């Protein structure tokens, strides 16, 4: 079973998005930053995902039924990725696509260790 805060929402980052952002920043450094070469970007999906939604989607992606128990109310945390989209051309992976990647990786790992 999964126990989560009922209303908690977070921004989720797929590892491929982190890599994509670093490559885009490197390629765009002189165009975007000029000579000062200092700029900070938030990288994520740029939208909150409810932990209940994440748990349900992960369960579906894994092809397993997992009981989900909601506890107390939670908080919301995410940041704007507008500057990274505008300046770097950053495009985050969708939640479903990211979870499908994780489920495939887990299945591959289970096959190797079996």
C-alpha atoms as a PDB file:
ATOM      1  CA  UNK A   1       0.000   0.000   0.000  1.00  0.00           C
ATOM      2  CA  UNK A   2       0.949   3.625  -0.513  1.00  0.00           C
ATOM      3  CA  UNK A   3       0.244   6.182   2.223  1.00  0.00           C
ATOM      4  CA  UNK A   4       0.243   9.817   1.082  1.00  0.00           C
ATOM      5  CA  UNK A   5      -0.950  13.255   2.120  1.00  0.00           C
ATOM      6  CA  UNK A   6      -4.380  13.737   0.557  1.00  0.00           C
ATOM      7  CA  UNK A   7      -3.920  17.146  -1.062  1.00  0.00           C
ATOM      8  CA  UNK A   8      -0.137  17.274  -1.501  1.00  0.00           C
ATOM      9  CA  UNK A   9       0.991  18.414  -4.956  1.00  0.00           C
ATOM     10  CA  UNK A  10       4.564  18.578  -6.229  1.00  0.00           C
ATOM     11  CA  UNK A  11       6.478  19.275  -9.411  1.00  0.00           C
ATOM     12  CA  UNK A  12       8.115  16.169 -10.859  1.00  0.00           C
ATOM     13  CA  UNK A  13      11.327  16.052 -12.879  1.00  0.00           C
ATOM     14  CA  UNK A  14      12.156  13.254 -15.318  1.00  0.00           C
ATOM     15  CA  UNK A  15      15.897  12.582 -15.484  1.00  0.00           C
ATOM     16  CA  UNK A  16      15.855  13.069 -19.272  1.00  0.00           C
ATOM     17  CA  UNK A  17      14.448  16.575 -18.704  1.00  0.00           C
ATOM     18  CA  UNK A  18      17.321  17.448 -16.369  1.00  0.00           C
ATOM     19  CA  UNK A  19      19.814  16.284 -18.998  1.00  0.00           C
ATOM     20  CA  UNK A  20      17.945  18.103 -21.782  1.00  0.00           C
ATOM     21  CA  UNK A  21      17.968  21.332 -19.749  1.00  0.00           C
ATOM     22  CA  UNK A  22      21.721  21.135 -19.137  1.00  0.00           C
ATOM     23  CA  UNK A  23      22.437  20.535 -22.822  1.00  0.00           C
ATOM     24  CA  UNK A  24      20.122  23.374 -23.878  1.00  0.00           C
ATOM     25  CA  UNK A  25      21.746  25.717 -21.352  1.00  0.00           C
ATOM     26  CA  UNK A  26      25.232  24.819 -22.597  1.00  0.00           C
ATOM     27  CA  UNK A  27      24.217  25.343 -26.230  1.00  0.00           C
ATOM     28  CA  UNK A  28      22.458  28.635 -25.453  1.00  0.00           C
ATOM     29  CA  UNK A  29      24.956  30.091 -22.990  1.00  0.00           C
ATOM     30  CA  UNK A  30      26.373  32.930 -25.055  1.00  0.00           C
ATOM     31  CA  UNK A  31      23.079  33.737 -26.816  1.00  0.00           C
ATOM     32  CA  UNK A  32      21.022  33.886 -23.644  1.00  0.00           C
ATOM     33  CA  UNK A  33      23.463  35.175 -21.028  1.00  0.00           C
ATOM     34  CA  UNK A  34      25.814  37.379 -22.997  1.00  0.00           C
ATOM     35  CA  UNK A  35      29.124  38.074 -21.352  1.00  0.00           C
ATOM     36  CA  UNK A  36      27.988  37.750 -17.724  1.00  0.00           C
ATOM     37  CA  UNK A  37      27.192  34.026 -18.287  1.00  0.00           C
ATOM     38  CA  UNK A  38      24.981  33.857 -15.198  1.00  0.00           C
ATOM     39  CA  UNK A  39      21.311  32.933 -15.342  1.00  0.00           C
ATOM     40  CA  UNK A  40      19.151  30.704 -13.146  1.00  0.00           C
ATOM     41  CA  UNK A  41      16.372  28.512 -14.537  1.00  0.00           C
ATOM     42  CA  UNK A  42      13.769  26.384 -12.785  1.00  0.00           C
ATOM     43  CA  UNK A  43      13.538  22.962 -14.378  1.00  0.00           C
ATOM     44  CA  UNK A  44      10.606  20.613 -13.839  1.00  0.00           C
ATOM     45  CA  UNK A  45       7.227  20.101 -15.454  1.00  0.00           C
ATOM     46  CA  UNK A  46       6.093  23.564 -14.366  1.00  0.00           C
ATOM     47  CA  UNK A  47       2.796  22.268 -13.041  1.00  0.00           C
ATOM     48  CA  UNK A  48       1.801  20.583  -9.821  1.00  0.00           C
ATOM     49  CA  UNK A  49       0.946  16.889  -9.774  1.00  0.00           C
ATOM     50  CA  UNK A  50      -1.192  15.538  -6.952  1.00  0.00           C
ATOM     51  CA  UNK A  51       0.486  12.654  -5.134  1.00  0.00           C
ATOM     52  CA  UNK A  52      -2.783  10.726  -5.440  1.00  0.00           C
ATOM     53  CA  UNK A  53      -2.655  11.197  -9.234  1.00  0.00           C
ATOM     54  CA  UNK A  54       1.010  10.192  -9.307  1.00  0.00           C
ATOM     55  CA  UNK A  55       0.393   7.056  -7.232  1.00  0.00           C
ATOM     56  CA  UNK A  56      -2.554   6.017  -9.400  1.00  0.00           C
ATOM     57  CA  UNK A  57      -0.683   6.687 -12.655  1.00  0.00           C
ATOM     58  CA  UNK A  58       2.392   4.815 -11.397  1.00  0.00           C
ATOM     59  CA  UNK A  59       0.198   1.883 -10.443  1.00  0.00           C
ATOM     60  CA  UNK A  60      -1.333   1.826 -13.943  1.00  0.00           C
ATOM     61  CA  UNK A  61       2.062   2.234 -15.657  1.00  0.00           C
ATOM     62  CA  UNK A  62       3.426  -0.685 -13.627  1.00  0.00           C
ATOM     63  CA  UNK A  63       0.384  -2.807 -14.427  1.00  0.00           C
ATOM     64  CA  UNK A  64      -0.270  -3.397 -10.736  1.00  0.00           C
ATOM     65  CA  UNK A  65      -3.118  -2.625  -8.384  1.00  0.00           C
ATOM     66  CA  UNK A  66      -1.739  -0.820  -5.346  1.00  0.00           C
ATOM     67  CA  UNK A  67      -3.983   0.328  -2.497  1.00  0.00           C
ATOM     68  CA  UNK A  68      -3.619   4.049  -1.841  1.00  0.00           C
ATOM     69  CA  UNK A  69      -4.406   5.483   1.598  1.00  0.00           C
ATOM     70  CA  UNK A  70      -4.792   9.239   1.986  1.00  0.00           C
ATOM     71  CA  UNK A  71      -3.703  10.797   5.236  1.00  0.00           C
ATOM     72  CA  UNK A  72      -3.832  14.435   6.355  1.00  0.00           C
ATOM     73  CA  UNK A  73      -3.932  17.410   4.008  1.00  0.00           C
ATOM     74  CA  UNK A  74      -0.691  18.374   2.279  1.00  0.00           C
ATOM     75  CA  UNK A  75       0.848  21.347   0.506  1.00  0.00           C
ATOM     76  CA  UNK A  76       1.558  22.361  -3.102  1.00  0.00           C
ATOM     77  CA  UNK A  77       5.019  23.037  -4.509  1.00  0.00           C
ATOM     78  CA  UNK A  78       6.048  23.859  -8.065  1.00  0.00           C
ATOM     79  CA  UNK A  79       7.970  26.602  -9.871  1.00  0.00           C
ATOM     80  CA  UNK A  80       7.536  28.486 -13.116  1.00  0.00           C
ATOM     81  CA  UNK A  81       9.565  27.094 -16.004  1.00  0.00           C
ATOM     82  CA  UNK A  82       8.522  29.906 -18.371  1.00  0.00           C
ATOM     83  CA  UNK A  83      12.068  31.330 -18.668  1.00  0.00           C
ATOM     84  CA  UNK A  84      13.560  27.921 -19.515  1.00  0.00           C
ATOM     85  CA  UNK A  85      10.873  27.372 -22.149  1.00  0.00           C
ATOM     86  CA  UNK A  86      11.347  30.866 -23.603  1.00  0.00           C
ATOM     87  CA  UNK A  87      15.149  31.149 -23.487  1.00  0.00           C
ATOM     88  CA  UNK A  88      16.256  27.546 -23.927  1.00  0.00           C
ATOM     89  CA  UNK A  89      13.407  25.909 -25.815  1.00  0.00           C
ATOM     90  CA  UNK A  90      12.961  23.506 -22.876  1.00  0.00           C
ATOM     91  CA  UNK A  91      10.009  21.104 -23.168  1.00  0.00           C
ATOM     92  CA  UNK A  92       9.313  18.765 -20.228  1.00  0.00           C
ATOM     93  CA  UNK A  93       8.287  15.128 -20.528  1.00  0.00           C
ATOM     94  CA  UNK A  94       4.621  14.416 -19.821  1.00  0.00           C
ATOM     95  CA  UNK A  95       3.767  12.631 -16.596  1.00  0.00           C
ATOM     96  CA  UNK A  96       2.402   9.585 -18.437  1.00  0.00           C
ATOM     97  CA  UNK A  97       5.464   9.310 -20.679  1.00  0.00           C
ATOM     98  CA  UNK A  98       7.832   9.649 -17.732  1.00  0.00           C
ATOM     99  CA  UNK A  99       6.004   6.998 -15.727  1.00  0.00           C
ATOM    100  CA  UNK A 100       5.985   4.659 -18.728  1.00  0.00           C
ATOM    101  CA  UNK A 101       9.788   5.079 -18.908  1.00  0.00           C
ATOM    102  CA  UNK A 102      10.137   4.271 -15.202  1.00  0.00           C
ATOM    103  CA  UNK A 103       7.823   1.238 -15.452  1.00  0.00           C
ATOM    104  CA  UNK A 104       9.804  -0.100 -18.429  1.00  0.00           C
ATOM    105  CA  UNK A 105      13.060   0.387 -16.521  1.00  0.00           C
ATOM    106  CA  UNK A 106      11.683  -1.438 -13.464  1.00  0.00           C
ATOM    107  CA  UNK A 107      10.499  -4.334 -15.625  1.00  0.00           C
ATOM    108  CA  UNK A 108      13.926  -4.553 -17.272  1.00  0.00           C
ATOM    109  CA  UNK A 109      15.619  -4.565 -13.862  1.00  0.00           C
ATOM    110  CA  UNK A 110      13.268  -7.254 -12.563  1.00  0.00           C
ATOM    111  CA  UNK A 111      13.997  -9.378 -15.659  1.00  0.00           C
ATOM    112  CA  UNK A 112      17.763  -9.040 -15.068  1.00  0.00           C
ATOM    113  CA  UNK A 113      17.560  -9.975 -11.391  1.00  0.00           C
ATOM    114  CA  UNK A 114      15.153 -12.914 -11.916  1.00  0.00           C
END
